[in-house]
Amino acid sequence: MLEPSKEESKLVFLSLEETIPESILTSENLEILYKFSDLENIKLCVISSLSKEEMDKLFKGNADINLFAENGYYYKFAGEDQWIKITEACSDSWVEQAEKIMRNYSL
């Protein structure tokens, strides 16, 4: 089995609702996520259906966790203060070309 080198970062995505259901979402359980995000070479991304405001309140500015709110429509990278809409970070320049290809194959 191949072992990752110590320099390699591991990107870990967690669905908040699937990992820690709301019924057991406690400060103790969140502390486990904070400790996990503090591990060397771990880049933790938490995805949730919660709003940006709810995520900010829940994670209280933890600098080591990348946050994705409203099922990924908004994201905030670790250490950043500003939420970004996914549509602001993406170009739709590919749509016209893709539409031409789909029309070509659908006729």
PDB file of N, CA and C in Angstrom:
ATOM      1  N   MET A   1       0.837  -1.178   0.000  1.00  0.00           N
ATOM      2  CA  MET A   1       0.000   0.000   0.000  1.00  0.00           C
ATOM      3  C   MET A   1       0.879   1.238   0.000  1.00  0.00           C
ATOM      4  N   LEU A   2       0.513   2.232  -0.806  1.00  0.00           N
ATOM      5  CA  LEU A   2       1.272   3.470  -0.858  1.00  0.00           C
ATOM      6  C   LEU A   2       0.941   4.344   0.336  1.00  0.00           C
ATOM      7  N   GLU A   3       1.956   4.878   0.935  1.00  0.00           N
ATOM      8  CA  GLU A   3       1.774   5.786   2.064  1.00  0.00           C
ATOM      9  C   GLU A   3       1.982   7.211   1.572  1.00  0.00           C
ATOM     10  N   PRO A   4       1.090   8.143   1.898  1.00  0.00           N
ATOM     11  CA  PRO A   4       1.300   9.528   1.466  1.00  0.00           C
ATOM     12  C   PRO A   4       2.509  10.118   2.184  1.00  0.00           C
ATOM     13  N   SER A   5       3.209  10.984   1.485  1.00  0.00           N
ATOM     14  CA  SER A   5       4.351  11.640   2.125  1.00  0.00           C
ATOM     15  C   SER A   5       3.835  12.618   3.170  1.00  0.00           C
ATOM     16  N   LYS A   6       4.701  12.965   4.087  1.00  0.00           N
ATOM     17  CA  LYS A   6       4.298  13.872   5.167  1.00  0.00           C
ATOM     18  C   LYS A   6       3.940  15.254   4.627  1.00  0.00           C
ATOM     19  N   GLU A   7       4.471  15.607   3.434  1.00  0.00           N
ATOM     20  CA  GLU A   7       4.206  16.924   2.872  1.00  0.00           C
ATOM     21  C   GLU A   7       2.850  17.013   2.184  1.00  0.00           C
ATOM     22  N   GLU A   8       2.263  15.867   1.815  1.00  0.00           N
ATOM     23  CA  GLU A   8       0.999  15.889   1.093  1.00  0.00           C
ATOM     24  C   GLU A   8      -0.141  16.319   2.008  1.00  0.00           C
ATOM     25  N   SER A   9      -0.947  17.248   1.497  1.00  0.00           N
ATOM     26  CA  SER A   9      -2.142  17.646   2.228  1.00  0.00           C
ATOM     27  C   SER A   9      -3.294  16.741   1.839  1.00  0.00           C
ATOM     28  N   LYS A  10      -4.166  16.522   2.773  1.00  0.00           N
ATOM     29  CA  LYS A  10      -5.367  15.731   2.532  1.00  0.00           C
ATOM     30  C   LYS A  10      -6.566  16.663   2.603  1.00  0.00           C
ATOM     31  N   LEU A  11      -7.349  16.671   1.541  1.00  0.00           N
ATOM     32  CA  LEU A  11      -8.548  17.489   1.486  1.00  0.00           C
ATOM     33  C   LEU A  11      -9.714  16.611   1.910  1.00  0.00           C
ATOM     34  N   VAL A  12     -10.377  16.992   2.998  1.00  0.00           N
ATOM     35  CA  VAL A  12     -11.463  16.195   3.563  1.00  0.00           C
ATOM     36  C   VAL A  12     -12.751  17.006   3.518  1.00  0.00           C
ATOM     37  N   PHE A  13     -13.762  16.449   2.844  1.00  0.00           N
ATOM     38  CA  PHE A  13     -15.073  17.081   2.775  1.00  0.00           C
ATOM     39  C   PHE A  13     -16.026  16.347   3.713  1.00  0.00           C
ATOM     40  N   LEU A  14     -16.720  17.110   4.549  1.00  0.00           N
ATOM     41  CA  LEU A  14     -17.713  16.536   5.463  1.00  0.00           C
ATOM     42  C   LEU A  14     -19.047  17.245   5.270  1.00  0.00           C
ATOM     43  N   SER A  15     -20.087  16.466   5.165  1.00  0.00           N
ATOM     44  CA  SER A  15     -21.428  17.023   5.172  1.00  0.00           C
ATOM     45  C   SER A  15     -21.824  17.170   6.636  1.00  0.00           C
ATOM     46  N   LEU A  16     -22.049  18.380   7.071  1.00  0.00           N
ATOM     47  CA  LEU A  16     -22.345  18.625   8.479  1.00  0.00           C
ATOM     48  C   LEU A  16     -23.547  17.816   8.946  1.00  0.00           C
ATOM     49  N   GLU A  17     -24.623  17.868   8.182  1.00  0.00           N
ATOM     50  CA  GLU A  17     -25.846  17.188   8.596  1.00  0.00           C
ATOM     51  C   GLU A  17     -25.695  15.667   8.589  1.00  0.00           C
ATOM     52  N   GLU A  18     -24.853  15.144   7.713  1.00  0.00           N
ATOM     53  CA  GLU A  18     -24.642  13.697   7.656  1.00  0.00           C
ATOM     54  C   GLU A  18     -23.633  13.230   8.699  1.00  0.00           C
ATOM     55  N   THR A  19     -22.660  14.084   9.009  1.00  0.00           N
ATOM     56  CA  THR A  19     -21.616  13.712   9.964  1.00  0.00           C
ATOM     57  C   THR A  19     -22.081  13.892  11.404  1.00  0.00           C
ATOM     58  N   ILE A  20     -22.699  15.040  11.670  1.00  0.00           N
ATOM     59  CA  ILE A  20     -23.207  15.332  13.018  1.00  0.00           C
ATOM     60  C   ILE A  20     -24.653  15.800  12.879  1.00  0.00           C
ATOM     61  N   PRO A  21     -25.602  14.896  12.997  1.00  0.00           N
ATOM     62  CA  PRO A  21     -27.010  15.305  12.889  1.00  0.00           C
ATOM     63  C   PRO A  21     -27.351  16.413  13.892  1.00  0.00           C
ATOM     64  N   GLU A  22     -28.284  17.262  13.512  1.00  0.00           N
ATOM     65  CA  GLU A  22     -28.656  18.411  14.340  1.00  0.00           C
ATOM     66  C   GLU A  22     -29.037  17.999  15.760  1.00  0.00           C
ATOM     67  N   SER A  23     -29.604  16.821  15.901  1.00  0.00           N
ATOM     68  CA  SER A  23     -30.036  16.369  17.223  1.00  0.00           C
ATOM     69  C   SER A  23     -28.865  16.169  18.193  1.00  0.00           C
ATOM     70  N   ILE A  24     -27.648  15.956  17.648  1.00  0.00           N
ATOM     71  CA  ILE A  24     -26.481  15.779  18.528  1.00  0.00           C
ATOM     72  C   ILE A  24     -25.389  16.811  18.241  1.00  0.00           C
ATOM     73  N   LEU A  25     -25.770  17.921  17.607  1.00  0.00           N
ATOM     74  CA  LEU A  25     -24.811  18.977  17.292  1.00  0.00           C
ATOM     75  C   LEU A  25     -24.525  19.775  18.563  1.00  0.00           C
ATOM     76  N   THR A  26     -23.459  19.397  19.233  1.00  0.00           N
ATOM     77  CA  THR A  26     -23.096  20.034  20.496  1.00  0.00           C
ATOM     78  C   THR A  26     -21.727  20.682  20.359  1.00  0.00           C
ATOM     79  N   SER A  27     -21.390  21.520  21.320  1.00  0.00           N
ATOM     80  CA  SER A  27     -20.065  22.154  21.306  1.00  0.00           C
ATOM     81  C   SER A  27     -18.956  21.112  21.410  1.00  0.00           C
ATOM     82  N   GLU A  28     -19.227  20.014  22.109  1.00  0.00           N
ATOM     83  CA  GLU A  28     -18.233  18.944  22.225  1.00  0.00           C
ATOM     84  C   GLU A  28     -17.968  18.288  20.869  1.00  0.00           C
ATOM     85  N   ASN A  29     -19.042  18.051  20.107  1.00  0.00           N
ATOM     86  CA  ASN A  29     -18.878  17.457  18.784  1.00  0.00           C
ATOM     87  C   ASN A  29     -18.189  18.409  17.817  1.00  0.00           C
ATOM     88  N   LEU A  30     -18.506  19.681  17.914  1.00  0.00           N
ATOM     89  CA  LEU A  30     -17.823  20.671  17.078  1.00  0.00           C
ATOM     90  C   LEU A  30     -16.340  20.752  17.439  1.00  0.00           C
ATOM     91  N   GLU A  31     -16.031  20.586  18.705  1.00  0.00           N
ATOM     92  CA  GLU A  31     -14.636  20.604  19.149  1.00  0.00           C
ATOM     93  C   GLU A  31     -13.838  19.480  18.478  1.00  0.00           C
ATOM     94  N   ILE A  32     -14.476  18.356  18.237  1.00  0.00           N
ATOM     95  CA  ILE A  32     -13.812  17.255  17.526  1.00  0.00           C
ATOM     96  C   ILE A  32     -13.443  17.702  16.110  1.00  0.00           C
ATOM     97  N   LEU A  33     -14.363  18.403  15.443  1.00  0.00           N
ATOM     98  CA  LEU A  33     -14.057  18.924  14.106  1.00  0.00           C
ATOM     99  C   LEU A  33     -12.907  19.928  14.149  1.00  0.00           C
ATOM    100  N   TYR A  34     -12.900  20.799  15.157  1.00  0.00           N
ATOM    101  CA  TYR A  34     -11.821  21.777  15.293  1.00  0.00           C
ATOM    102  C   TYR A  34     -10.479  21.074  15.469  1.00  0.00           C
ATOM    103  N   LYS A  35     -10.457  20.047  16.308  1.00  0.00           N
ATOM    104  CA  LYS A  35      -9.208  19.313  16.538  1.00  0.00           C
ATOM    105  C   LYS A  35      -8.768  18.588  15.276  1.00  0.00           C
ATOM    106  N   PHE A  36      -9.727  18.032  14.552  1.00  0.00           N
ATOM    107  CA  PHE A  36      -9.409  17.351  13.300  1.00  0.00           C
ATOM    108  C   PHE A  36      -8.802  18.333  12.300  1.00  0.00           C
ATOM    109  N   SER A  37      -9.375  19.531  12.222  1.00  0.00           N
ATOM    110  CA  SER A  37      -8.866  20.536  11.275  1.00  0.00           C
ATOM    111  C   SER A  37      -7.479  21.035  11.666  1.00  0.00           C
ATOM    112  N   ASP A  38      -7.108  20.867  12.924  1.00  0.00           N
ATOM    113  CA  ASP A  38      -5.784  21.283  13.396  1.00  0.00           C
ATOM    114  C   ASP A  38      -4.688  20.266  13.074  1.00  0.00           C
ATOM    115  N   LEU A  39      -5.077  19.068  12.641  1.00  0.00           N
ATOM    116  CA  LEU A  39      -4.077  18.050  12.326  1.00  0.00           C
ATOM    117  C   LEU A  39      -3.199  18.515  11.163  1.00  0.00           C
ATOM    118  N   GLU A  40      -1.942  18.135  11.232  1.00  0.00           N
ATOM    119  CA  GLU A  40      -0.995  18.518  10.192  1.00  0.00           C
ATOM    120  C   GLU A  40      -1.437  17.958   8.843  1.00  0.00           C
ATOM    121  N   ASN A  41      -1.379  18.798   7.828  1.00  0.00           N
ATOM    122  CA  ASN A  41      -1.679  18.427   6.442  1.00  0.00           C
ATOM    123  C   ASN A  41      -3.144  18.083   6.180  1.00  0.00           C
ATOM    124  N   ILE A  42      -4.044  18.490   7.055  1.00  0.00           N
ATOM    125  CA  ILE A  42      -5.475  18.271   6.824  1.00  0.00           C
ATOM    126  C   ILE A  42      -6.107  19.599   6.418  1.00  0.00           C
ATOM    127  N   LYS A  43      -6.825  19.576   5.314  1.00  0.00           N
ATOM    128  CA  LYS A  43      -7.617  20.722   4.871  1.00  0.00           C
ATOM    129  C   LYS A  43      -9.074  20.289   4.965  1.00  0.00           C
ATOM    130  N   LEU A  44      -9.779  20.798   5.963  1.00  0.00           N
ATOM    131  CA  LEU A  44     -11.151  20.381   6.232  1.00  0.00           C
ATOM    132  C   LEU A  44     -12.149  21.328   5.576  1.00  0.00           C
ATOM    133  N   CYS A  45     -13.108  20.748   4.861  1.00  0.00           N
ATOM    134  CA  CYS A  45     -14.195  21.497   4.231  1.00  0.00           C
ATOM    135  C   CYS A  45     -15.505  20.964   4.795  1.00  0.00           C
ATOM    136  N   VAL A  46     -16.300  21.846   5.370  1.00  0.00           N
ATOM    137  CA  VAL A  46     -17.596  21.450   5.928  1.00  0.00           C
ATOM    138  C   VAL A  46     -18.691  22.032   5.047  1.00  0.00           C
ATOM    139  N   ILE A  47     -19.523  21.140   4.518  1.00  0.00           N
ATOM    140  CA  ILE A  47     -20.615  21.517   3.630  1.00  0.00           C
ATOM    141  C   ILE A  47     -21.918  21.362   4.396  1.00  0.00           C
ATOM    142  N   SER A  48     -22.806  22.360   4.243  1.00  0.00           N
ATOM    143  CA  SER A  48     -24.064  22.314   4.983  1.00  0.00           C
ATOM    144  C   SER A  48     -25.175  23.000   4.210  1.00  0.00           C
ATOM    145  N   SER A  49     -26.397  22.655   4.564  1.00  0.00           N
ATOM    146  CA  SER A  49     -27.558  23.357   4.013  1.00  0.00           C
ATOM    147  C   SER A  49     -27.865  24.621   4.820  1.00  0.00           C
ATOM    148  N   LEU A  50     -27.141  24.836   5.903  1.00  0.00           N
ATOM    149  CA  LEU A  50     -27.359  26.029   6.731  1.00  0.00           C
ATOM    150  C   LEU A  50     -27.014  27.293   5.961  1.00  0.00           C
ATOM    151  N   SER A  51     -27.576  28.411   6.392  1.00  0.00           N
ATOM    152  CA  SER A  51     -27.278  29.708   5.775  1.00  0.00           C
ATOM    153  C   SER A  51     -25.871  30.165   6.169  1.00  0.00           C
ATOM    154  N   LYS A  52     -25.370  31.177   5.467  1.00  0.00           N
ATOM    155  CA  LYS A  52     -24.056  31.750   5.790  1.00  0.00           C
ATOM    156  C   LYS A  52     -24.028  32.222   7.234  1.00  0.00           C
ATOM    157  N   GLU A  53     -25.093  32.895   7.642  1.00  0.00           N
ATOM    158  CA  GLU A  53     -25.158  33.440   8.993  1.00  0.00           C
ATOM    159  C   GLU A  53     -25.135  32.329  10.044  1.00  0.00           C
ATOM    160  N   GLU A  54     -25.871  31.261   9.783  1.00  0.00           N
ATOM    161  CA  GLU A  54     -25.894  30.132  10.719  1.00  0.00           C
ATOM    162  C   GLU A  54     -24.518  29.455  10.799  1.00  0.00           C
ATOM    163  N   MET A  55     -23.859  29.325   9.647  1.00  0.00           N
ATOM    164  CA  MET A  55     -22.520  28.712   9.633  1.00  0.00           C
ATOM    165  C   MET A  55     -21.528  29.582  10.395  1.00  0.00           C
ATOM    166  N   ASP A  56     -21.582  30.909  10.172  1.00  0.00           N
ATOM    167  CA  ASP A  56     -20.688  31.817  10.899  1.00  0.00           C
ATOM    168  C   ASP A  56     -20.903  31.707  12.401  1.00  0.00           C
ATOM    169  N   LYS A  57     -22.155  31.675  12.789  1.00  0.00           N
ATOM    170  CA  LYS A  57     -22.478  31.582  14.216  1.00  0.00           C
ATOM    171  C   LYS A  57     -21.998  30.251  14.792  1.00  0.00           C
ATOM    172  N   LEU A  58     -22.226  29.186  14.052  1.00  0.00           N
ATOM    173  CA  LEU A  58     -21.866  27.851  14.515  1.00  0.00           C
ATOM    174  C   LEU A  58     -20.358  27.672  14.639  1.00  0.00           C
ATOM    175  N   PHE A  59     -19.608  28.142  13.644  1.00  0.00           N
ATOM    176  CA  PHE A  59     -18.161  27.929  13.646  1.00  0.00           C
ATOM    177  C   PHE A  59     -17.380  29.104  14.211  1.00  0.00           C
ATOM    178  N   LYS A  60     -18.060  30.198  14.516  1.00  0.00           N
ATOM    179  CA  LYS A  60     -17.478  31.350  15.222  1.00  0.00           C
ATOM    180  C   LYS A  60     -16.080  31.716  14.722  1.00  0.00           C
ATOM    181  N   GLY A  61     -15.934  31.747  13.401  1.00  0.00           N
ATOM    182  CA  GLY A  61     -14.682  32.210  12.812  1.00  0.00           C
ATOM    183  C   GLY A  61     -13.506  31.271  12.965  1.00  0.00           C
ATOM    184  N   ASN A  62     -13.745  29.968  13.143  1.00  0.00           N
ATOM    185  CA  ASN A  62     -12.625  29.024  13.216  1.00  0.00           C
ATOM    186  C   ASN A  62     -11.819  29.139  11.937  1.00  0.00           C
ATOM    187  N   ALA A  63     -10.560  29.549  12.065  1.00  0.00           N
ATOM    188  CA  ALA A  63      -9.723  29.889  10.912  1.00  0.00           C
ATOM    189  C   ALA A  63      -9.235  28.684  10.127  1.00  0.00           C
ATOM    190  N   ASP A  64      -9.373  27.482  10.646  1.00  0.00           N
ATOM    191  CA  ASP A  64      -8.793  26.313   9.985  1.00  0.00           C
ATOM    192  C   ASP A  64      -9.793  25.499   9.174  1.00  0.00           C
ATOM    193  N   ILE A  65     -11.032  25.958   9.070  1.00  0.00           N
ATOM    194  CA  ILE A  65     -12.054  25.178   8.375  1.00  0.00           C
ATOM    195  C   ILE A  65     -12.610  25.974   7.198  1.00  0.00           C
ATOM    196  N   ASN A  66     -12.642  25.335   6.024  1.00  0.00           N
ATOM    197  CA  ASN A  66     -13.288  25.909   4.842  1.00  0.00           C
ATOM    198  C   ASN A  66     -14.779  25.619   4.966  1.00  0.00           C
ATOM    199  N   LEU A  67     -15.607  26.632   4.777  1.00  0.00           N
ATOM    200  CA  LEU A  67     -17.052  26.473   4.969  1.00  0.00           C
ATOM    201  C   LEU A  67     -17.806  26.613   3.658  1.00  0.00           C
ATOM    202  N   PHE A  68     -18.806  25.761   3.476  1.00  0.00           N
ATOM    203  CA  PHE A  68     -19.684  25.814   2.314  1.00  0.00           C
ATOM    204  C   PHE A  68     -21.112  25.852   2.839  1.00  0.00           C
ATOM    205  N   ALA A  69     -21.809  26.963   2.617  1.00  0.00           N
ATOM    206  CA  ALA A  69     -23.171  27.141   3.127  1.00  0.00           C
ATOM    207  C   ALA A  69     -24.181  26.970   1.999  1.00  0.00           C
ATOM    208  N   GLU A  70     -25.423  26.768   2.386  1.00  0.00           N
ATOM    209  CA  GLU A  70     -26.539  26.632   1.457  1.00  0.00           C
ATOM    210  C   GLU A  70     -26.211  25.619   0.355  1.00  0.00           C
ATOM    211  N   ASN A  71     -25.720  24.450   0.806  1.00  0.00           N
ATOM    212  CA  ASN A  71     -25.373  23.323  -0.075  1.00  0.00           C
ATOM    213  C   ASN A  71     -24.308  23.680  -1.105  1.00  0.00           C
ATOM    214  N   GLY A  72     -23.420  24.577  -0.740  1.00  0.00           N
ATOM    215  CA  GLY A  72     -22.299  24.913  -1.608  1.00  0.00           C
ATOM    216  C   GLY A  72     -22.497  26.149  -2.452  1.00  0.00           C
ATOM    217  N   TYR A  73     -23.650  26.800  -2.356  1.00  0.00           N
ATOM    218  CA  TYR A  73     -23.889  28.017  -3.147  1.00  0.00           C
ATOM    219  C   TYR A  73     -22.971  29.149  -2.697  1.00  0.00           C
ATOM    220  N   TYR A  74     -22.656  29.182  -1.411  1.00  0.00           N
ATOM    221  CA  TYR A  74     -21.702  30.134  -0.855  1.00  0.00           C
ATOM    222  C   TYR A  74     -20.547  29.365  -0.239  1.00  0.00           C
ATOM    223  N   TYR A  75     -19.354  29.933  -0.342  1.00  0.00           N
ATOM    224  CA  TYR A  75     -18.202  29.315   0.326  1.00  0.00           C
ATOM    225  C   TYR A  75     -17.309  30.385   0.913  1.00  0.00           C
ATOM    226  N   LYS A  76     -16.556  29.965   1.914  1.00  0.00           N
ATOM    227  CA  LYS A  76     -15.592  30.847   2.571  1.00  0.00           C
ATOM    228  C   LYS A  76     -14.384  29.991   2.920  1.00  0.00           C
ATOM    229  N   PHE A  77     -13.234  30.373   2.380  1.00  0.00           N
ATOM    230  CA  PHE A  77     -12.026  29.611   2.654  1.00  0.00           C
ATOM    231  C   PHE A  77     -11.502  29.899   4.054  1.00  0.00           C
ATOM    232  N   ALA A  78     -10.797  28.945   4.592  1.00  0.00           N
ATOM    233  CA  ALA A  78     -10.213  29.075   5.929  1.00  0.00           C
ATOM    234  C   ALA A  78      -9.413  30.373   6.020  1.00  0.00           C
ATOM    235  N   GLY A  79      -9.641  31.119   7.082  1.00  0.00           N
ATOM    236  CA  GLY A  79      -8.922  32.365   7.315  1.00  0.00           C
ATOM    237  C   GLY A  79      -9.513  33.581   6.628  1.00  0.00           C
ATOM    238  N   GLU A  80     -10.532  33.387   5.795  1.00  0.00           N
ATOM    239  CA  GLU A  80     -11.170  34.503   5.089  1.00  0.00           C
ATOM    240  C   GLU A  80     -12.421  34.952   5.846  1.00  0.00           C
ATOM    241  N   ASP A  81     -12.789  36.209   5.654  1.00  0.00           N
ATOM    242  CA  ASP A  81     -13.986  36.739   6.301  1.00  0.00           C
ATOM    243  C   ASP A  81     -15.189  36.809   5.366  1.00  0.00           C
ATOM    244  N   GLN A  82     -14.924  36.889   4.068  1.00  0.00           N
ATOM    245  CA  GLN A  82     -15.987  37.148   3.104  1.00  0.00           C
ATOM    246  C   GLN A  82     -16.512  35.858   2.473  1.00  0.00           C
ATOM    247  N   TRP A  83     -17.834  35.765   2.411  1.00  0.00           N
ATOM    248  CA  TRP A  83     -18.485  34.667   1.702  1.00  0.00           C
ATOM    249  C   TRP A  83     -18.504  34.998   0.220  1.00  0.00           C
ATOM    250  N   ILE A  84     -18.332  33.981  -0.621  1.00  0.00           N
ATOM    251  CA  ILE A  84     -18.329  34.154  -2.072  1.00  0.00           C
ATOM    252  C   ILE A  84     -19.426  33.276  -2.653  1.00  0.00           C
ATOM    253  N   LYS A  85     -20.209  33.850  -3.581  1.00  0.00           N
ATOM    254  CA  LYS A  85     -21.218  33.067  -4.295  1.00  0.00           C
ATOM    255  C   LYS A  85     -20.497  32.247  -5.343  1.00  0.00           C
ATOM    256  N   ILE A  86     -20.876  31.006  -5.482  1.00  0.00           N
ATOM    257  CA  ILE A  86     -20.223  30.134  -6.450  1.00  0.00           C
ATOM    258  C   ILE A  86     -20.326  30.726  -7.855  1.00  0.00           C
ATOM    259  N   THR A  87     -21.409  31.437  -8.143  1.00  0.00           N
ATOM    260  CA  THR A  87     -21.578  32.024  -9.473  1.00  0.00           C
ATOM    261  C   THR A  87     -20.599  33.158  -9.737  1.00  0.00           C
ATOM    262  N   GLU A  88     -20.062  33.782  -8.698  1.00  0.00           N
ATOM    263  CA  GLU A  88     -19.066  34.842  -8.872  1.00  0.00           C
ATOM    264  C   GLU A  88     -17.703  34.273  -9.238  1.00  0.00           C
ATOM    265  N   ALA A  89     -17.454  33.047  -8.849  1.00  0.00           N
ATOM    266  CA  ALA A  89     -16.146  32.434  -9.059  1.00  0.00           C
ATOM    267  C   ALA A  89     -16.086  31.620 -10.350  1.00  0.00           C
ATOM    268  N   CYS A  90     -17.225  31.445 -11.005  1.00  0.00           N
ATOM    269  CA  CYS A  90     -17.270  30.603 -12.195  1.00  0.00           C
ATOM    270  C   CYS A  90     -17.618  31.416 -13.428  1.00  0.00           C
ATOM    271  N   SER A  91     -17.052  31.000 -14.512  1.00  0.00           N
ATOM    272  CA  SER A  91     -17.366  31.605 -15.799  1.00  0.00           C
ATOM    273  C   SER A  91     -18.379  30.727 -16.509  1.00  0.00           C
ATOM    274  N   ASP A  92     -19.322  31.348 -17.182  1.00  0.00           N
ATOM    275  CA  ASP A  92     -20.281  30.575 -17.964  1.00  0.00           C
ATOM    276  C   ASP A  92     -19.948  30.625 -19.455  1.00  0.00           C
ATOM    277  N   SER A  93     -18.702  30.958 -19.763  1.00  0.00           N
ATOM    278  CA  SER A  93     -18.290  31.082 -21.161  1.00  0.00           C
ATOM    279  C   SER A  93     -18.391  29.755 -21.917  1.00  0.00           C
ATOM    280  N   TRP A  94     -18.417  28.656 -21.216  1.00  0.00           N
ATOM    281  CA  TRP A  94     -18.484  27.335 -21.836  1.00  0.00           C
ATOM    282  C   TRP A  94     -19.895  26.959 -22.285  1.00  0.00           C
ATOM    283  N   VAL A  95     -20.905  27.662 -21.782  1.00  0.00           N
ATOM    284  CA  VAL A  95     -22.297  27.274 -22.013  1.00  0.00           C
ATOM    285  C   VAL A  95     -22.652  27.318 -23.499  1.00  0.00           C
ATOM    286  N   GLU A  96     -22.269  28.370 -24.180  1.00  0.00           N
ATOM    287  CA  GLU A  96     -22.624  28.508 -25.595  1.00  0.00           C
ATOM    288  C   GLU A  96     -22.050  27.355 -26.423  1.00  0.00           C
ATOM    289  N   GLN A  97     -20.789  27.025 -26.203  1.00  0.00           N
ATOM    290  CA  GLN A  97     -20.157  25.933 -26.932  1.00  0.00           C
ATOM    291  C   GLN A  97     -20.815  24.592 -26.594  1.00  0.00           C
ATOM    292  N   ALA A  98     -21.111  24.377 -25.316  1.00  0.00           N
ATOM    293  CA  ALA A  98     -21.761  23.133 -24.904  1.00  0.00           C
ATOM    294  C   ALA A  98     -23.150  23.019 -25.526  1.00  0.00           C
ATOM    295  N   GLU A  99     -23.869  24.131 -25.595  1.00  0.00           N
ATOM    296  CA  GLU A  99     -25.201  24.117 -26.195  1.00  0.00           C
ATOM    297  C   GLU A  99     -25.123  23.722 -27.667  1.00  0.00           C
ATOM    298  N   LYS A 100     -24.129  24.240 -28.391  1.00  0.00           N
ATOM    299  CA  LYS A 100     -23.948  23.877 -29.799  1.00  0.00           C
ATOM    300  C   LYS A 100     -23.703  22.376 -29.939  1.00  0.00           C
ATOM    301  N   ILE A 101     -22.868  21.834 -29.094  1.00  0.00           N
ATOM    302  CA  ILE A 101     -22.555  20.401 -29.146  1.00  0.00           C
ATOM    303  C   ILE A 101     -23.797  19.569 -28.848  1.00  0.00           C
ATOM    304  N   MET A 102     -24.556  19.959 -27.829  1.00  0.00           N
ATOM    305  CA  MET A 102     -25.755  19.193 -27.470  1.00  0.00           C
ATOM    306  C   MET A 102     -26.794  19.258 -28.569  1.00  0.00           C
ATOM    307  N   ARG A 103     -26.955  20.439 -29.173  1.00  0.00           N
ATOM    308  CA  ARG A 103     -27.914  20.561 -30.287  1.00  0.00           C
ATOM    309  C   ARG A 103     -27.486  19.680 -31.470  1.00  0.00           C
ATOM    310  N   ASN A 104     -26.204  19.642 -31.726  1.00  0.00           N
ATOM    311  CA  ASN A 104     -25.674  18.842 -32.818  1.00  0.00           C
ATOM    312  C   ASN A 104     -25.976  17.372 -32.623  1.00  0.00           C
ATOM    313  N   TYR A 105     -25.876  16.869 -31.404  1.00  0.00           N
ATOM    314  CA  TYR A 105     -26.089  15.458 -31.134  1.00  0.00           C
ATOM    315  C   TYR A 105     -27.526  15.100 -30.805  1.00  0.00           C
ATOM    316  N   SER A 106     -28.371  16.098 -30.612  1.00  0.00           N
ATOM    317  CA  SER A 106     -29.765  15.792 -30.264  1.00  0.00           C
ATOM    318  C   SER A 106     -30.674  15.788 -31.491  1.00  0.00           C
ATOM    319  N   LEU A 107     -30.151  16.152 -32.623  1.00  0.00           N
ATOM    320  CA  LEU A 107     -30.975  16.190 -33.840  1.00  0.00           C
ATOM    321  C   LEU A 107     -30.924  14.908 -34.612  1.00  0.00           C
TER     322      LEU A 107
END
